[in-house]
Protein backbone atom coordinates (compact mmCIF):
# COMPACT_ATOMS: atom_id res chain seq x y z
CA MET A 1 45.68 52.69 158.51
CA SER A 2 49.44 52.58 158.28
CA LEU A 3 51.71 50.57 160.56
CA GLN A 4 53.13 53.73 162.19
CA ALA A 5 49.63 54.99 163.08
CA ILE A 6 48.75 51.60 164.63
CA ALA A 7 51.95 51.65 166.71
CA LEU A 8 51.24 55.22 167.86
CA VAL A 9 47.70 54.33 168.94
CA PHE A 10 49.01 51.27 170.78
CA LEU A 11 51.63 53.28 172.67
CA VAL A 12 49.12 55.98 173.65
CA THR A 13 46.66 53.35 174.86
CA VAL A 14 49.33 51.61 176.94
CA SER A 15 50.47 54.91 178.46
CA VAL A 16 46.93 55.98 179.41
CA GLY A 17 46.22 52.53 180.83
CA GLY A 18 49.42 52.60 182.89
CA VAL A 19 48.58 56.01 184.38
CA ALA A 20 45.05 54.88 185.17
CA TRP A 21 46.42 51.69 186.80
CA VAL A 22 48.76 53.66 189.03
CA PHE A 23 46.23 56.23 190.26
CA LEU A 24 42.86 54.45 190.10
CA PHE A 25 43.68 50.84 191.03
CA PRO A 26 44.45 51.56 194.74
CA LEU A 27 41.06 53.30 195.09
CA LEU A 28 39.07 50.66 193.24
CA SER A 29 40.72 47.64 194.84
CA GLY A 30 40.51 48.91 198.42
CA GLU A 31 44.28 48.95 198.83
CA LYS A 32 44.26 52.52 200.13
CA ALA A 33 41.64 51.65 202.74
CA ALA A 34 43.73 48.65 203.80
CA GLU A 35 46.77 50.86 204.24
CA GLN A 36 44.75 53.23 206.41
CA ARG A 37 43.59 50.35 208.62
CA VAL A 38 47.15 49.06 208.97
CA GLY A 39 48.31 52.56 209.85
CA ALA A 40 45.61 52.83 212.51
CA LEU A 41 46.72 49.54 214.06
CA ALA A 42 50.39 50.57 213.94
CA ARG A 43 49.71 53.92 215.61
CA PRO A 44 52.20 54.85 218.36
CA GLU A 45 51.40 53.63 221.86
CA PRO A 46 49.53 55.87 224.28
CA ALA A 47 51.59 58.28 226.31
CA ARG A 48 50.87 56.40 229.57
CA ARG A 49 52.26 53.13 228.14
CA GLN A 50 55.29 54.94 226.71
CA ALA A 51 55.97 56.50 230.09
CA ALA A 52 55.76 53.08 231.72
CA ARG A 53 58.40 51.75 229.34
CA GLY A 54 60.55 54.88 229.63
CA PRO A 55 63.38 53.55 231.86
CA GLN A 56 63.70 50.29 229.91
CA ARG A 57 63.76 52.10 226.57
CA ALA A 58 66.27 54.66 227.86
CA ARG A 59 68.58 51.87 228.99
CA ARG A 60 68.30 50.11 225.63
CA GLU A 61 69.00 53.34 223.76
CA GLN A 62 72.00 53.98 225.99
CA LEU A 63 73.38 50.52 225.23
CA GLU A 64 72.81 51.06 221.51
CA GLU A 65 74.68 54.37 221.61
CA THR A 66 77.58 52.73 223.46
CA LEU A 67 77.83 49.94 220.89
CA LYS A 68 77.67 52.46 218.02
CA GLU A 69 80.53 54.46 219.53
CA ILE A 70 82.66 51.34 219.99
CA GLU A 71 81.95 50.18 216.41
CA ALA A 72 82.83 53.63 215.05
CA ARG A 73 86.10 53.57 216.97
CA GLY A 74 86.80 50.08 215.59
CA ARG A 75 86.31 51.28 212.02
CA LYS A 76 88.56 54.25 212.69
CA VAL A 77 91.53 52.21 213.93
CA ASN A 78 91.52 50.16 210.73
CA ARG A 79 93.44 53.05 209.08
CA PRO A 80 96.26 53.64 211.57
CA SER A 81 98.94 56.27 211.20
CA LEU A 82 102.65 55.50 211.24
CA SER A 83 103.05 56.44 214.91
CA VAL A 84 100.15 54.12 215.84
CA ARG A 85 101.69 51.26 213.83
CA ILE A 86 105.01 51.76 215.63
CA ALA A 87 103.26 51.68 219.01
CA ARG A 88 101.33 48.53 218.08
CA ALA A 89 104.61 46.85 217.19
CA GLY A 90 105.82 47.48 220.73
CA LEU A 91 108.55 49.95 219.73
CA ASP A 92 109.20 53.26 221.47
CA TRP A 93 110.59 54.92 218.36
CA SER A 94 109.41 58.26 217.11
CA LYS A 95 108.08 58.67 213.60
CA GLN A 96 111.14 60.70 212.60
CA LYS A 97 113.53 58.01 213.87
CA PHE A 98 111.69 55.32 211.93
CA MET A 99 111.78 57.35 208.71
CA VAL A 100 115.49 58.13 209.13
CA LEU A 101 116.34 54.45 209.70
CA SER A 102 114.25 53.46 206.67
CA GLY A 103 116.06 56.02 204.51
CA VAL A 104 119.47 54.86 205.73
CA LEU A 105 118.56 51.25 204.98
CA GLY A 106 117.37 52.11 201.47
CA VAL A 107 120.48 54.14 200.65
CA SER A 108 122.75 51.41 202.03
CA VAL A 109 121.14 48.72 199.87
CA PHE A 110 121.26 51.02 196.84
CA ALA A 111 124.99 51.67 197.35
CA LEU A 112 125.74 48.00 198.00
CA VAL A 113 124.03 46.88 194.77
CA LEU A 114 125.97 49.51 192.81
CA LEU A 115 129.25 48.40 194.38
CA VAL A 116 128.73 44.77 193.37
CA GLY A 117 127.95 45.84 189.79
CA GLY A 118 124.22 45.16 189.79
CA GLY A 119 123.31 48.14 187.62
CA LEU A 120 121.39 51.35 188.24
CA LEU A 121 117.82 50.13 187.77
CA PRO A 122 118.19 47.04 190.01
CA ALA A 123 119.90 49.22 192.61
CA ILE A 124 117.01 51.70 192.58
CA ALA A 125 114.42 48.91 192.78
CA LEU A 126 116.17 47.07 195.61
CA GLY A 127 116.89 50.29 197.50
CA PHE A 128 113.27 51.35 197.27
CA ALA A 129 112.10 47.92 198.42
CA ALA A 130 114.55 47.91 201.32
CA GLY A 131 113.70 51.46 202.41
CA GLY A 132 109.93 51.30 201.94
CA GLY A 133 108.83 47.68 201.99
CA LEU A 134 111.15 46.02 204.50
CA PRO A 135 110.42 48.40 207.44
CA SER A 136 106.67 48.10 206.86
CA TRP A 137 106.94 44.31 206.79
CA LEU A 138 108.99 44.45 210.01
CA LEU A 139 106.31 46.53 211.74
CA SER A 140 103.63 44.10 210.59
CA TYR A 141 105.66 41.10 211.81
CA LEU A 142 106.32 42.65 215.23
CA ARG A 143 102.67 43.66 215.59
CA LYS A 144 101.42 40.16 214.81
CA ARG A 145 103.93 38.60 217.19
CA ARG A 146 102.90 41.00 219.95
CA GLU A 147 99.20 40.32 219.34
CA ALA A 148 99.85 36.56 219.49
CA LYS A 149 101.57 36.95 222.89
CA PHE A 150 98.70 39.12 224.10
CA LEU A 151 96.06 36.59 223.05
CA GLN A 152 98.01 33.78 224.67
CA HIS A 153 97.85 35.35 228.16
CA PHE A 154 94.72 37.50 227.90
CA PRO A 155 92.22 34.83 229.12
CA ASP A 156 94.38 34.31 232.23
CA ALA A 157 94.33 38.06 232.88
CA VAL A 158 90.53 38.13 232.62
CA ASP A 159 90.34 35.20 235.07
CA VAL A 160 92.49 37.17 237.52
CA ILE A 161 90.02 40.06 237.29
CA VAL A 162 87.07 37.69 237.85
CA ARG A 163 88.66 36.12 240.93
CA GLY A 164 89.56 39.55 242.31
CA ILE A 165 86.02 40.87 241.89
CA LYS A 166 84.54 37.75 243.51
CA ALA A 167 86.98 38.27 246.42
CA GLY A 168 85.69 41.81 246.89
CA LEU A 169 88.33 43.84 245.09
CA PRO A 170 87.32 46.70 242.79
CA LEU A 171 88.06 46.42 239.10
CA PHE A 172 90.85 48.98 239.39
CA ASP A 173 92.69 47.00 242.11
CA SER A 174 92.23 43.74 240.19
CA MET A 175 93.98 45.32 237.22
CA LYS A 176 96.82 46.36 239.54
CA VAL A 177 97.38 42.67 240.32
CA ILE A 178 97.70 41.98 236.57
CA VAL A 179 100.23 44.79 236.18
CA ALA A 180 102.28 43.42 239.07
CA ASP A 181 102.32 39.73 238.10
CA SER A 182 101.71 39.34 234.35
CA ASP A 183 104.16 39.18 231.48
CA GLU A 184 104.48 41.49 228.51
CA PRO A 185 102.55 42.77 226.63
CA ILE A 186 99.67 42.21 229.11
CA ARG A 187 101.50 44.18 231.79
CA SER A 188 102.16 47.27 229.67
CA GLU A 189 98.64 47.33 228.19
CA PHE A 190 96.88 47.15 231.56
CA ARG A 191 99.34 49.68 232.94
CA ALA A 192 98.26 52.01 230.14
CA ILE A 193 94.61 51.46 231.15
CA LEU A 194 95.38 52.35 234.78
CA GLU A 195 97.41 55.41 233.81
CA THR A 196 94.67 56.62 231.48
CA GLN A 197 92.04 56.14 234.17
CA ALA A 198 94.23 57.88 236.77
CA VAL A 199 94.21 61.14 234.78
CA GLY A 200 90.41 61.32 234.85
CA MET A 201 89.11 59.15 232.01
CA PRO A 202 86.26 56.77 232.95
CA LEU A 203 87.39 53.19 233.40
CA GLY A 204 85.01 51.88 230.73
CA GLU A 205 86.40 54.27 228.13
CA ALA A 206 89.96 53.50 229.24
CA CYS A 207 89.32 49.78 228.70
CA GLY A 208 87.82 50.59 225.31
CA ARG A 209 91.10 52.24 224.33
CA LEU A 210 92.74 48.83 224.59
CA TYR A 211 91.39 48.01 221.14
CA ASP A 212 93.18 51.05 219.72
CA ARG A 213 96.54 49.62 220.81
CA ILE A 214 95.78 45.89 220.29
CA PRO A 215 93.35 45.70 217.33
CA VAL A 216 92.04 42.18 217.94
CA ALA A 217 88.46 41.08 218.52
CA GLU A 218 89.21 39.81 222.03
CA ALA A 219 90.34 43.26 223.20
CA ASN A 220 87.23 44.77 221.66
CA PHE A 221 85.04 42.26 223.53
CA PHE A 222 86.69 43.22 226.82
CA GLY A 223 86.17 46.93 226.18
CA ILE A 224 82.50 46.40 225.28
CA VAL A 225 81.78 44.32 228.41
CA VAL A 226 83.41 46.82 230.80
CA ALA A 227 81.91 49.87 229.07
CA ILE A 228 78.37 48.45 229.14
CA GLN A 229 78.73 47.38 232.78
CA GLN A 230 79.98 50.83 233.78
CA GLN A 231 77.02 52.54 232.10
CA ALA A 232 74.18 50.06 232.62
CA GLY A 233 75.27 48.11 235.70
CA GLY A 234 75.09 44.36 236.19
CA ASN A 235 77.18 41.49 237.52
CA LEU A 236 80.66 42.23 236.20
CA SER A 237 82.22 39.00 237.49
CA GLU A 238 79.62 36.90 235.67
CA ALA A 239 80.01 38.92 232.46
CA LEU A 240 83.81 38.66 232.54
CA GLY A 241 83.57 34.97 233.40
CA ASN A 242 81.49 34.39 230.28
CA LEU A 243 83.97 36.49 228.33
CA SER A 244 86.86 34.35 229.60
CA LYS A 245 85.06 31.22 228.41
CA VAL A 246 84.49 32.81 224.99
CA LEU A 247 88.15 33.82 224.75
CA ARG A 248 89.35 30.30 225.57
CA ASP A 249 86.91 28.79 223.07
CA ARG A 250 88.17 31.14 220.38
CA LYS A 251 91.75 30.21 221.24
CA LYS A 252 90.92 26.50 220.95
CA MET A 253 89.17 27.07 217.65
CA LYS A 254 92.14 29.01 216.28
CA GLU A 255 94.56 26.25 217.29
CA LYS A 256 92.25 23.63 215.78
CA ILE A 257 92.09 25.55 212.49
CA ALA A 258 95.89 25.88 212.49
CA ALA A 259 96.27 22.13 213.01
CA MET A 260 93.75 21.26 210.28
CA SER A 261 95.34 23.64 207.78
CA MET A 262 98.91 22.50 208.47
CA GLU A 263 98.75 19.79 205.80
CA ALA A 264 97.58 22.31 203.18
CA LYS A 265 100.33 24.74 204.22
CA ALA A 266 102.97 22.01 203.92
CA SER A 267 101.68 21.07 200.46
CA ALA A 268 101.70 24.71 199.36
CA THR A 269 105.26 25.13 200.65
CA ILE A 270 106.47 22.08 198.71
CA ILE A 271 104.69 23.18 195.51
CA GLY A 272 106.07 26.72 195.81
CA ALA A 273 109.63 25.57 196.52
CA LEU A 274 109.74 22.83 193.84
CA PRO A 275 110.44 25.01 190.73
CA PRO A 276 113.41 26.89 192.30
CA LEU A 277 114.84 23.62 193.63
CA VAL A 278 114.54 21.95 190.22
CA MET A 279 116.19 24.97 188.60
CA LEU A 280 119.05 24.86 191.13
CA THR A 281 119.51 21.12 190.58
CA VAL A 282 119.67 21.54 186.79
CA PHE A 283 122.14 24.41 187.21
CA ILE A 284 124.42 22.24 189.37
CA THR A 285 124.26 19.22 187.07
CA SER A 286 124.09 20.94 183.64
CA PRO A 287 124.97 24.64 183.87
CA ASP A 288 125.33 25.08 180.10
CA TYR A 289 121.81 23.76 179.54
CA ILE A 290 120.08 26.33 181.74
CA SER A 291 122.46 29.30 181.47
CA ILE A 292 120.62 30.53 178.37
CA LEU A 293 117.89 31.84 180.68
CA TRP A 294 120.13 34.67 181.94
CA THR A 295 122.41 35.06 178.92
CA HIS A 296 119.76 35.60 176.21
CA PRO A 297 116.98 38.25 176.01
CA THR A 298 114.36 35.54 175.43
CA GLY A 299 115.57 33.79 178.58
CA HIS A 300 115.18 37.06 180.51
CA PHE A 301 111.59 37.33 179.29
CA LEU A 302 110.85 33.73 180.25
CA LEU A 303 112.35 34.23 183.72
CA ALA A 304 110.23 37.34 184.23
CA CYS A 305 107.05 35.53 183.13
CA SER A 306 107.89 32.54 185.33
CA ALA A 307 108.48 34.77 188.34
CA MET A 308 105.17 36.56 187.72
CA TRP A 309 103.20 33.32 187.45
CA MET A 310 104.96 31.83 190.46
CA GLY A 311 104.15 34.92 192.50
CA ALA A 312 100.50 34.78 191.44
CA GLY A 313 100.30 31.08 192.30
CA ILE A 314 101.86 31.61 195.72
CA LEU A 315 99.43 34.44 196.50
CA VAL A 316 96.46 32.28 195.47
CA MET A 317 97.66 29.35 197.59
CA ARG A 318 98.25 31.68 200.55
CA LYS A 319 94.74 33.03 200.20
CA MET A 320 93.32 29.50 200.12
CA ILE A 321 95.13 28.22 203.20
CA ASN A 322 94.78 31.26 205.48
CA PHE A 323 91.58 31.20 207.52
CA ASP A 324 90.07 34.05 209.48
CA PHE A 325 87.13 33.91 211.86
């Protein structure tokens, strides 16, 4: 018998054996009977027992639906529009005003670079960066600064609500005290909650909207606690008191992380600033020695490569020393 015939017989035998293993082994080994016994034991509970657990299960399902809605809203606000980004930065500009100011800034930088003799391509690049990148960076900077101010005073605002509820005030009136006595941006954010609730929106949903304007975890926690309490009931002062403790612990942890990472940030700053400082020192002491970098095409190429590698190194160091939790 040839080698091909032997291989063909082997493959056919393996195929038939595999099919027989799949279909006959569960019957012969008793695996199918075991599955039937497990299915009988895992049969749904009797109707009487299900009815007895009906209210508890309905409450749990209601809480699960509330958490799913809040999580879906949290994923949605991760892709904000331009108008939302402007509002988060604390500006009252319209989208058209922001775009006009960005265009004016880009054109001004473009014209300025041309007037000083920088060339067409550098003028286009700098104008595009000034008109598109600088306004976006400004919005991001203002948003982060506003969020930092909010987180600094938010635990105190929650404590005011807790003390007001323990004194017998409703949640709505406790928030009025915050609007009257707190600083920005706490005052404006709680005023927005009260105004939203005044037009007919439930207070739990109005508090959940806080995360849309201040996309930080602490605001999301507050919205979840109030929304669940409004739908499922419970001791709101105790829940908000626990939330206040969590917020203060998170604030302490963030400050501790900032203190522990300060040495690494200082080292990264020195390492990143050292090459430009050395270059400036050499230029001051021996300008003819280093001037070949911007007077010769090879020097231009080396400067471009150096800038690229320096940028990559700075980004890597920034990623290593920035902690999120």
